[in-house]
Amino acid sequence: MSTPAPVPFGAALRFWFKLGCISFGGPAGQIAIMHRELVEQRRWISERRFLHALNYCMLLPGPEAQQLATYIGWLLHRSRGGIAAGALFVLPSLLLLIALSWVYVAFGHVGWVAGLFYGIKPAVAALVLQAVWRIGGRTLRSPARSPLLWAIALASFVAIAGLQLPFPAVVLAAAAVGALGGRWWPAQFDAGGGHAAADRHYGPALIDDDTPTPPHARFRRSRLAAVVGVGALLWLLPMAGLLAWQGREATLAQMGWFFTKAALLTFGGAYAVLPYVYQGAVEHFHWLTGPQMIDGLALGETTPGPLIMVVAFVGFLGGWTHQVLGPGALFAGAALAACVATWFTFLPSFLFILAGGPLVESTHGQLRFTAPLTAITAAVVGVIASLALFFVLHIGRPQAGGPVDGVALVLAGLAALALLRWRIGVLPVIAGCAVAGLALRLAGVA
């Protein structure tokens, strides 16, 4: 099997847009989709390089799946590739959430999509189970390094699901174990064994294990200074414009500053930062109510893109409620507020990748750096497993103490079989479950 040909920028753009449209399932499902498309099928990047980038993204605040897309796009096509990949990962979700948010505030409910949501949630649970199977199997299956990595994965599962410890603490503990284990038991943390076998199965990749770091991805202080400078301007200019236009106490300026802080606190994914967003948006600024925040989370969970895109819903309702462009332009003001929330939430993610990527590439293949990242990968398997458990319990018994929803569990089981055994694509499975959910609701079965 020959090495894939270089990827034209136009072809990459089409793929990143497609990914933004089908990236259901939260970070676990999105990472699974990227692994299947980029590592297994297209072979744009080898599994070891993919996991090396993923481990770095897991350490950062912000949506790791979107940052991973940005990283791979940057590695393939320089800064323009990274910006395009990250932006197209978010854009379809932003447009869809603006449309759904308008329906929500204009008609006062989201009942017309309740049936679709009922069917999509079991598909989301199945996608997370698929991610556990794919990433967990490849990370933990090597006999030479199974014991310690299995122990790390199990400990992280118990820490998150049972003890409810914060995700950053789990990541730091895993990294510490990896750093020590890399010195004392290097064979346990050598990423070569299991991944190399998998890579041979998929065939050579465009960015393979031994592919030299491209010139644009090598660390230079001048480049780092330029990226940081441009990033600072991209934050300062919009913020200065909002302050000059409407003042410090205006809703849009408050959103810019609030969502910047939220972006820097999202260690552990969207669920870790949602209490902070709830406290600020609902209790302090009164951009929306508590029940509306829950409805927004339901929309965020069942639309493509990262779950933190719920900030677009929060921004839209805040812009609509506070009439940021006046009573005669409710939709325009709300859509502008959604864009402001999204801009200030995701800007740091791009900077983390474009500024830190060259440093990460320089550590590829060095065990003292890769051992902690390998341990983090094992911990992430446990975290994803805990997320799968959360989804299964949530769809099986949506109300605490209520009856078990056997229909939803059957749908989740069928979706899991379709993904894992019959190898049906993600989009057909999600579409099929959505149609099934709508039909069951209309028939009064669910």
Protein backbone atom coordinates (compact mmCIF):
# COMPACT_ATOMS: atom_id res chain seq x y z
CA MET A 1 0.00 0.00 0.00
CA SER A 2 1.49 3.32 -1.07
CA THR A 3 1.70 6.55 0.89
CA PRO A 4 -1.28 8.87 0.21
CA ALA A 5 -0.66 11.81 -2.09
CA PRO A 6 -0.39 15.30 -0.57
CA VAL A 7 -3.82 16.69 0.30
CA PRO A 8 -4.90 19.76 -1.73
CA PHE A 9 -6.11 22.61 0.43
CA GLY A 10 -9.52 22.57 -1.28
CA ALA A 11 -9.99 18.87 -0.49
CA ALA A 12 -9.08 19.53 3.12
CA LEU A 13 -11.61 22.37 3.30
CA ARG A 14 -14.36 20.08 2.04
CA PHE A 15 -13.47 17.47 4.65
CA TRP A 16 -13.35 19.94 7.57
CA PHE A 17 -16.76 21.30 6.56
CA LYS A 18 -18.15 17.78 6.38
CA LEU A 19 -16.68 17.05 9.80
CA GLY A 20 -18.35 20.15 11.22
CA CYS A 21 -21.70 18.90 9.90
CA ILE A 22 -21.43 15.34 11.28
CA SER A 23 -19.50 15.90 14.51
CA PHE A 24 -22.17 14.60 16.86
CA GLY A 25 -21.50 12.72 20.07
CA GLY A 26 -19.53 15.24 22.10
CA PRO A 27 -15.73 15.15 22.22
CA ALA A 28 -15.57 11.36 22.46
CA GLY A 29 -17.74 10.83 19.41
CA GLN A 30 -16.00 13.62 17.49
CA ILE A 31 -12.54 12.20 18.22
CA ALA A 32 -13.76 8.78 17.12
CA ILE A 33 -15.01 10.24 13.84
CA MET A 34 -11.69 11.99 13.20
CA HIS A 35 -9.74 8.85 14.02
CA ARG A 36 -11.76 6.76 11.60
CA GLU A 37 -11.63 9.36 8.81
CA LEU A 38 -8.06 10.67 9.18
CA VAL A 39 -6.15 7.66 10.53
CA GLU A 40 -7.99 4.61 9.22
CA GLN A 41 -9.57 5.64 5.93
CA ARG A 42 -7.77 8.65 4.48
CA ARG A 43 -4.40 8.00 6.21
CA TRP A 44 -3.55 11.68 6.43
CA ILE A 45 -1.84 11.12 9.78
CA SER A 46 -0.54 8.06 11.62
CA GLU A 47 -2.15 6.89 14.84
CA ARG A 48 0.87 7.72 16.97
CA ARG A 49 1.02 11.29 15.64
CA PHE A 50 -2.77 11.56 16.05
CA LEU A 51 -2.60 10.47 19.69
CA HIS A 52 0.40 12.68 20.37
CA ALA A 53 -1.61 15.71 19.20
CA LEU A 54 -4.71 14.54 21.08
CA ASN A 55 -2.81 14.24 24.35
CA TYR A 56 -1.64 17.84 24.05
CA CYS A 57 -5.17 19.02 23.34
CA MET A 58 -6.43 17.15 26.40
CA LEU A 59 -4.12 19.27 28.57
CA LEU A 60 -5.53 22.56 27.28
CA PRO A 61 -8.59 24.50 28.37
CA GLY A 62 -11.21 24.49 25.66
CA PRO A 63 -12.88 21.92 23.38
CA GLU A 64 -10.27 19.24 22.71
CA ALA A 65 -11.92 17.85 19.56
CA GLN A 66 -12.00 21.27 17.90
CA GLN A 67 -8.41 21.89 18.97
CA LEU A 68 -7.37 18.51 17.56
CA ALA A 69 -8.92 19.42 14.19
CA THR A 70 -7.08 22.75 14.33
CA TYR A 71 -3.79 20.99 15.12
CA ILE A 72 -4.06 18.50 12.26
CA GLY A 73 -5.20 21.20 9.83
CA TRP A 74 -2.19 23.31 10.88
CA LEU A 75 0.18 20.39 10.45
CA LEU A 76 -1.15 19.75 6.95
CA HIS A 77 -1.51 23.30 5.60
CA ARG A 78 0.20 25.75 7.93
CA SER A 79 -1.72 28.41 9.86
CA ARG A 80 -4.42 28.81 7.20
CA GLY A 81 -5.14 25.09 7.43
CA GLY A 82 -5.44 25.20 11.20
CA ILE A 83 -7.70 28.24 11.16
CA ALA A 84 -9.91 26.72 8.45
CA ALA A 85 -10.17 23.36 10.22
CA GLY A 86 -11.04 24.89 13.59
CA ALA A 87 -13.47 27.42 12.15
CA LEU A 88 -15.33 24.91 9.96
CA PHE A 89 -15.59 22.58 12.95
CA VAL A 90 -17.63 25.29 14.71
CA LEU A 91 -19.41 27.18 11.91
CA PRO A 92 -22.20 24.65 11.05
CA SER A 93 -23.05 24.32 14.75
CA LEU A 94 -23.15 28.10 15.20
CA LEU A 95 -25.50 28.60 12.24
CA LEU A 96 -27.74 25.73 13.33
CA LEU A 97 -27.91 26.94 16.92
CA ILE A 98 -28.78 30.47 15.83
CA ALA A 99 -31.65 29.05 13.75
CA LEU A 100 -32.88 26.76 16.53
CA SER A 101 -32.53 29.50 19.13
CA TRP A 102 -34.72 31.75 16.99
CA VAL A 103 -37.37 29.04 16.77
CA TYR A 104 -37.10 28.60 20.53
CA VAL A 105 -37.66 32.25 21.43
CA ALA A 106 -40.14 32.96 18.62
CA PHE A 107 -42.45 30.03 19.38
CA GLY A 108 -41.65 29.50 23.05
CA HIS A 109 -40.72 25.83 22.88
CA VAL A 110 -38.68 23.21 21.04
CA GLY A 111 -41.41 20.62 20.99
CA TRP A 112 -41.26 20.17 17.24
CA VAL A 113 -37.81 18.64 17.60
CA ALA A 114 -38.51 16.69 20.81
CA GLY A 115 -39.02 13.46 18.89
CA LEU A 116 -35.80 13.96 16.93
CA PHE A 117 -33.92 14.64 20.16
CA TYR A 118 -35.40 11.52 21.73
CA GLY A 119 -33.89 9.40 18.98
CA ILE A 120 -30.58 11.24 18.72
CA LYS A 121 -29.65 10.88 22.41
CA PRO A 122 -29.34 7.06 22.24
CA ALA A 123 -27.20 7.49 19.11
CA VAL A 124 -24.95 9.89 21.05
CA ALA A 125 -24.56 7.26 23.79
CA ALA A 126 -23.61 4.68 21.17
CA LEU A 127 -21.04 7.03 19.66
CA VAL A 128 -19.39 7.43 23.05
CA LEU A 129 -19.32 3.65 23.49
CA GLN A 130 -17.69 3.39 20.07
CA ALA A 131 -15.04 5.87 21.16
CA VAL A 132 -14.29 3.78 24.26
CA TRP A 133 -13.93 0.71 22.06
CA ARG A 134 -11.70 2.35 19.46
CA ILE A 135 -9.41 4.51 21.57
CA GLY A 136 -9.38 2.17 24.55
CA GLY A 137 -8.65 -0.90 22.47
CA ARG A 138 -5.69 0.69 20.71
CA THR A 139 -4.29 2.34 23.82
CA LEU A 140 -4.54 -0.59 26.21
CA ARG A 141 -4.28 -3.73 24.12
CA SER A 142 -0.48 -4.11 23.96
CA PRO A 143 0.40 -6.92 26.42
CA ALA A 144 3.78 -5.38 27.24
CA ARG A 145 2.23 -2.23 28.60
CA SER A 146 -1.28 -3.30 29.57
CA PRO A 147 -1.03 -3.58 33.38
CA LEU A 148 -0.12 -0.02 34.29
CA LEU A 149 -2.18 1.63 31.56
CA TRP A 150 -5.21 -0.51 32.41
CA ALA A 151 -4.76 0.49 36.05
CA ILE A 152 -4.61 4.18 35.08
CA ALA A 153 -7.74 3.85 32.93
CA LEU A 154 -9.64 2.04 35.70
CA ALA A 155 -8.51 4.54 38.34
CA SER A 156 -9.59 7.49 36.19
CA PHE A 157 -13.00 5.87 35.62
CA VAL A 158 -13.50 5.43 39.36
CA ALA A 159 -12.22 8.94 40.08
CA ILE A 160 -14.65 10.58 37.65
CA ALA A 161 -17.71 8.32 37.85
CA GLY A 162 -17.47 7.26 41.49
CA LEU A 163 -15.55 9.90 43.41
CA GLN A 164 -16.46 12.82 41.09
CA LEU A 165 -12.95 14.23 41.24
CA PRO A 166 -12.19 17.18 38.94
CA PHE A 167 -10.88 16.27 35.51
CA PRO A 168 -7.71 18.42 35.78
CA ALA A 169 -6.70 16.52 38.92
CA VAL A 170 -7.12 13.20 37.09
CA VAL A 171 -5.04 14.42 34.14
CA LEU A 172 -2.26 15.76 36.37
CA ALA A 173 -2.16 12.55 38.38
CA ALA A 174 -1.93 10.46 35.20
CA ALA A 175 0.82 12.70 33.83
CA ALA A 176 2.78 12.32 37.08
CA VAL A 177 2.45 8.53 36.95
CA GLY A 178 3.57 8.58 33.32
CA ALA A 179 6.58 10.76 34.09
CA LEU A 180 7.73 8.40 36.85
CA GLY A 181 6.80 5.27 34.93
CA GLY A 182 8.67 6.44 31.86
CA ARG A 183 11.85 6.43 33.94
CA TRP A 184 11.27 3.23 35.90
CA TRP A 185 9.22 1.07 33.48
CA PRO A 186 9.81 2.58 30.03
CA ALA A 187 8.44 -0.47 28.18
CA GLN A 188 5.04 0.11 29.81
CA PHE A 189 4.79 3.59 28.28
CA ASP A 190 6.49 3.12 24.92
CA ALA A 191 3.87 4.07 22.36
CA GLY A 192 5.46 1.89 19.72
CA GLY A 193 3.98 -1.55 20.30
CA GLY A 194 0.26 -1.45 19.82
CA HIS A 195 0.13 1.63 17.64
CA ALA A 196 2.74 0.44 15.18
CA ALA A 197 0.79 -2.70 14.52
CA ALA A 198 -2.33 -0.70 13.92
CA ASP A 199 -0.52 1.67 11.58
CA ARG A 200 0.77 -1.24 9.50
CA HIS A 201 -2.80 -2.45 9.23
CA TYR A 202 -3.99 0.91 7.93
CA GLY A 203 -0.95 1.39 5.72
CA PRO A 204 1.56 4.24 5.53
CA ALA A 205 0.24 7.69 6.37
CA LEU A 206 0.94 11.04 4.77
CA ILE A 207 2.21 12.28 8.15
CA ASP A 208 3.71 9.04 9.43
CA ASP A 209 5.60 8.15 12.59
CA ASP A 210 8.96 8.91 11.02
CA THR A 211 7.86 11.84 8.82
CA PRO A 212 10.10 14.82 9.63
CA THR A 213 8.41 17.83 11.16
CA PRO A 214 7.59 20.22 8.30
CA PRO A 215 9.44 23.56 8.33
CA HIS A 216 6.36 25.59 9.31
CA ALA A 217 5.84 23.39 12.40
CA ARG A 218 9.32 23.91 13.83
CA PHE A 219 9.68 26.16 16.83
CA ARG A 220 10.95 29.71 16.26
CA ARG A 221 10.79 32.49 18.81
CA SER A 222 9.94 35.04 16.13
CA ARG A 223 6.96 32.98 15.00
CA LEU A 224 5.74 32.50 18.59
CA ALA A 225 5.93 36.25 19.18
CA ALA A 226 4.02 36.92 15.94
CA VAL A 227 1.24 34.44 16.83
CA VAL A 228 0.85 35.87 20.33
CA GLY A 229 0.84 39.42 18.96
CA VAL A 230 -1.81 38.69 16.34
CA GLY A 231 -3.89 36.82 18.90
CA ALA A 232 -3.74 39.76 21.30
CA LEU A 233 -4.92 42.10 18.54
CA LEU A 234 -7.77 39.77 17.60
CA TRP A 235 -8.98 39.98 21.19
CA LEU A 236 -8.24 43.65 21.84
CA LEU A 237 -9.71 45.16 18.66
CA PRO A 238 -13.21 43.57 18.95
CA MET A 239 -13.30 44.26 22.68
CA ALA A 240 -12.23 47.90 22.16
CA GLY A 241 -14.87 48.22 19.44
CA LEU A 242 -17.62 46.92 21.73
CA LEU A 243 -16.53 49.23 24.55
CA ALA A 244 -16.38 52.27 22.29
CA TRP A 245 -19.71 51.42 20.65
CA GLN A 246 -21.94 50.62 23.64
CA GLY A 247 -19.87 51.10 26.79
CA ARG A 248 -18.44 48.90 29.50
CA GLU A 249 -21.76 47.97 31.09
CA ALA A 250 -23.42 47.03 27.80
CA THR A 251 -24.45 43.42 27.24
CA LEU A 252 -22.13 42.70 24.33
CA ALA A 253 -19.01 43.97 26.14
CA GLN A 254 -19.96 42.00 29.24
CA MET A 255 -20.35 38.89 27.09
CA GLY A 256 -16.92 39.38 25.53
CA TRP A 257 -15.18 39.54 28.89
CA PHE A 258 -17.29 36.82 30.53
CA PHE A 259 -16.81 34.27 27.76
CA THR A 260 -13.09 35.01 27.59
CA LYS A 261 -12.85 33.98 31.25
CA ALA A 262 -15.02 30.95 30.58
CA ALA A 263 -12.73 29.87 27.73
CA LEU A 264 -9.73 29.88 30.05
CA LEU A 265 -11.54 27.78 32.67
CA THR A 266 -12.78 24.93 30.48
CA PHE A 267 -10.33 22.31 31.72
CA GLY A 268 -12.11 18.99 31.52
CA GLY A 269 -14.51 19.90 28.76
CA ALA A 270 -17.83 21.69 28.65
CA TYR A 271 -19.39 19.92 31.63
CA ALA A 272 -16.66 21.32 33.87
CA VAL A 273 -17.39 24.92 32.88
CA LEU A 274 -21.20 24.75 32.66
CA PRO A 275 -21.69 25.59 36.38
CA TYR A 276 -19.61 28.74 35.85
CA VAL A 277 -21.60 29.70 32.75
CA TYR A 278 -24.86 29.00 34.57
CA GLN A 279 -23.85 31.12 37.54
CA GLY A 280 -22.82 34.08 35.40
CA ALA A 281 -25.41 33.95 32.61
CA VAL A 282 -28.44 33.04 34.74
CA GLU A 283 -27.81 34.35 38.23
CA HIS A 284 -25.56 37.37 37.67
CA PHE A 285 -26.32 38.83 34.23
CA HIS A 286 -29.86 37.39 33.84
CA TRP A 287 -29.34 36.71 30.13
CA LEU A 288 -31.68 33.71 30.41
CA THR A 289 -33.48 31.60 33.01
CA GLY A 290 -32.49 28.29 34.56
CA PRO A 291 -35.00 26.22 32.57
CA GLN A 292 -33.88 27.98 29.38
CA MET A 293 -30.27 27.04 30.20
CA ILE A 294 -31.29 23.39 30.47
CA ASP A 295 -33.09 23.60 27.12
CA GLY A 296 -29.96 25.14 25.61
CA LEU A 297 -27.86 22.27 26.93
CA ALA A 298 -30.27 19.82 25.27
CA LEU A 299 -29.84 21.67 21.98
CA GLY A 300 -26.05 21.68 22.41
CA GLU A 301 -25.95 17.96 23.13
CA THR A 302 -27.90 17.04 20.02
CA THR A 303 -26.38 19.35 17.40
CA PRO A 304 -23.01 18.89 15.71
CA GLY A 305 -19.96 20.62 17.11
CA PRO A 306 -18.50 20.89 20.62
CA LEU A 307 -20.92 20.96 23.54
CA ILE A 308 -19.48 24.28 24.69
CA MET A 309 -21.32 25.71 21.68
CA VAL A 310 -24.17 26.10 24.17
CA VAL A 311 -22.58 29.54 24.66
CA ALA A 312 -24.10 30.52 21.30
CA PHE A 313 -27.56 29.74 22.68
CA VAL A 314 -26.76 31.69 25.86
CA GLY A 315 -25.52 34.61 23.79
CA PHE A 316 -28.55 34.55 21.51
CA LEU A 317 -31.04 34.58 24.38
CA GLY A 318 -29.06 37.28 26.17
CA GLY A 319 -29.02 39.43 23.04
CA TRP A 320 -32.74 38.85 22.48
CA THR A 321 -33.74 39.50 26.10
CA HIS A 322 -31.63 42.65 26.47
CA GLN A 323 -32.41 43.90 22.94
CA VAL A 324 -28.78 44.76 22.21
CA LEU A 325 -29.66 46.41 18.86
CA GLY A 326 -33.03 47.73 19.96
CA PRO A 327 -36.58 46.31 19.84
CA GLY A 328 -36.76 46.62 16.07
CA ALA A 329 -33.81 44.32 15.43
CA LEU A 330 -34.29 41.47 17.87
CA PHE A 331 -33.00 38.71 15.62
CA ALA A 332 -30.01 40.69 14.34
CA GLY A 333 -29.02 41.66 17.87
CA ALA A 334 -29.41 38.13 19.18
CA ALA A 335 -27.43 36.65 16.28
CA LEU A 336 -24.68 39.24 16.86
CA ALA A 337 -24.57 38.33 20.55
CA ALA A 338 -24.29 34.62 19.67
CA CYS A 339 -21.35 35.43 17.39
CA VAL A 340 -19.68 37.55 20.09
CA ALA A 341 -20.01 34.71 22.62
CA THR A 342 -18.60 32.22 20.13
CA TRP A 343 -15.68 34.46 19.08
CA PHE A 344 -14.41 35.13 22.58
CA THR A 345 -14.95 31.50 23.64
CA PHE A 346 -12.97 29.93 20.78
CA LEU A 347 -10.24 32.50 20.09
CA PRO A 348 -7.96 31.14 22.87
CA SER A 349 -8.23 27.62 21.42
CA PHE A 350 -6.69 28.72 18.13
CA LEU A 351 -3.90 30.55 19.93
CA PHE A 352 -3.04 27.54 22.09
CA ILE A 353 -2.60 25.37 19.00
CA LEU A 354 -0.84 27.81 16.69
CA ALA A 355 1.51 28.99 19.45
CA GLY A 356 2.12 25.68 21.22
CA GLY A 357 2.02 23.27 18.27
CA PRO A 358 5.72 23.65 17.33
CA LEU A 359 6.75 22.87 20.92
CA VAL A 360 4.62 19.72 20.87
CA GLU A 361 6.03 18.58 17.53
CA SER A 362 9.56 18.93 18.91
CA THR A 363 8.74 16.37 21.63
CA HIS A 364 7.51 13.67 19.22
CA GLY A 365 9.28 10.37 19.83
CA GLN A 366 11.02 11.47 23.05
CA LEU A 367 9.93 9.08 25.81
CA ARG A 368 10.40 11.57 28.64
CA PHE A 369 7.73 13.71 27.00
CA THR A 370 5.57 10.99 25.43
CA ALA A 371 5.32 8.78 28.55
CA PRO A 372 3.19 11.32 30.48
CA LEU A 373 1.05 11.83 27.37
CA THR A 374 0.59 8.08 26.95
CA ALA A 375 -0.56 7.87 30.56
CA ILE A 376 -3.00 10.72 29.90
CA THR A 377 -4.40 8.78 26.94
CA ALA A 378 -5.06 5.82 29.26
CA ALA A 379 -6.76 8.16 31.74
CA VAL A 380 -8.88 9.61 28.96
CA VAL A 381 -10.14 6.10 28.16
CA GLY A 382 -11.49 5.90 31.71
CA VAL A 383 -12.99 9.39 31.43
CA ILE A 384 -14.74 8.51 28.17
CA ALA A 385 -16.04 5.30 29.75
CA SER A 386 -17.50 7.34 32.61
CA LEU A 387 -19.14 9.64 30.06
CA ALA A 388 -20.62 6.59 28.30
CA LEU A 389 -22.03 5.40 31.63
CA PHE A 390 -23.50 8.85 32.27
CA PHE A 391 -25.26 8.89 28.89
CA VAL A 392 -26.60 5.35 29.24
CA LEU A 393 -27.99 6.09 32.70
CA HIS A 394 -29.39 9.41 31.52
CA ILE A 395 -31.29 8.01 28.56
CA GLY A 396 -32.32 4.87 30.46
CA ARG A 397 -33.84 6.86 33.33
CA PRO A 398 -34.21 10.50 32.26
CA GLN A 399 -35.84 11.48 35.58
CA ALA A 400 -34.23 10.47 38.85
CA GLY A 401 -36.38 7.85 40.51
CA GLY A 402 -38.61 7.64 37.45
CA PRO A 403 -39.38 4.59 35.31
CA VAL A 404 -36.77 2.96 33.11
CA ASP A 405 -37.07 3.95 29.43
CA GLY A 406 -36.58 0.58 27.78
CA VAL A 407 -37.29 1.96 24.30
CA ALA A 408 -34.40 4.42 24.53
CA LEU A 409 -32.05 1.70 25.78
CA VAL A 410 -33.05 -0.56 22.87
CA LEU A 411 -32.37 2.29 20.45
CA ALA A 412 -28.94 2.82 22.03
CA GLY A 413 -28.17 -0.89 21.75
CA LEU A 414 -29.19 -1.00 18.09
CA ALA A 415 -27.12 2.13 17.36
CA ALA A 416 -24.10 0.56 19.08
CA LEU A 417 -24.50 -2.62 17.03
CA ALA A 418 -24.80 -0.57 13.85
CA LEU A 419 -21.58 1.31 14.62
CA LEU A 420 -19.44 -1.45 16.09
CA ARG A 421 -20.62 -4.69 14.45
CA TRP A 422 -22.21 -3.66 11.18
CA ARG A 423 -19.85 -0.69 10.71
CA ILE A 424 -22.54 1.66 9.44
CA GLY A 425 -21.46 5.28 9.14
CA VAL A 426 -22.09 7.84 11.85
CA LEU A 427 -24.40 10.08 9.84
CA PRO A 428 -26.78 7.27 8.74
CA VAL A 429 -26.96 5.99 12.32
CA ILE A 430 -27.78 9.43 13.72
CA ALA A 431 -30.34 10.08 10.97
CA GLY A 432 -31.93 6.67 11.46
CA CYS A 433 -32.20 7.14 15.23
CA ALA A 434 -33.64 10.65 14.77
CA VAL A 435 -36.34 9.36 12.40
CA ALA A 436 -37.07 6.45 14.73
CA GLY A 437 -37.39 8.80 17.70
CA LEU A 438 -39.77 11.09 15.82
CA ALA A 439 -41.89 8.13 14.69
CA LEU A 440 -42.03 6.69 18.22
CA ARG A 441 -43.11 10.05 19.64
CA LEU A 442 -45.78 10.53 17.01
CA ALA A 443 -47.05 7.00 17.63
CA GLY A 444 -47.18 7.66 21.39
CA VAL A 445 -44.81 4.81 22.17
CA ALA A 446 -42.09 7.02 23.71
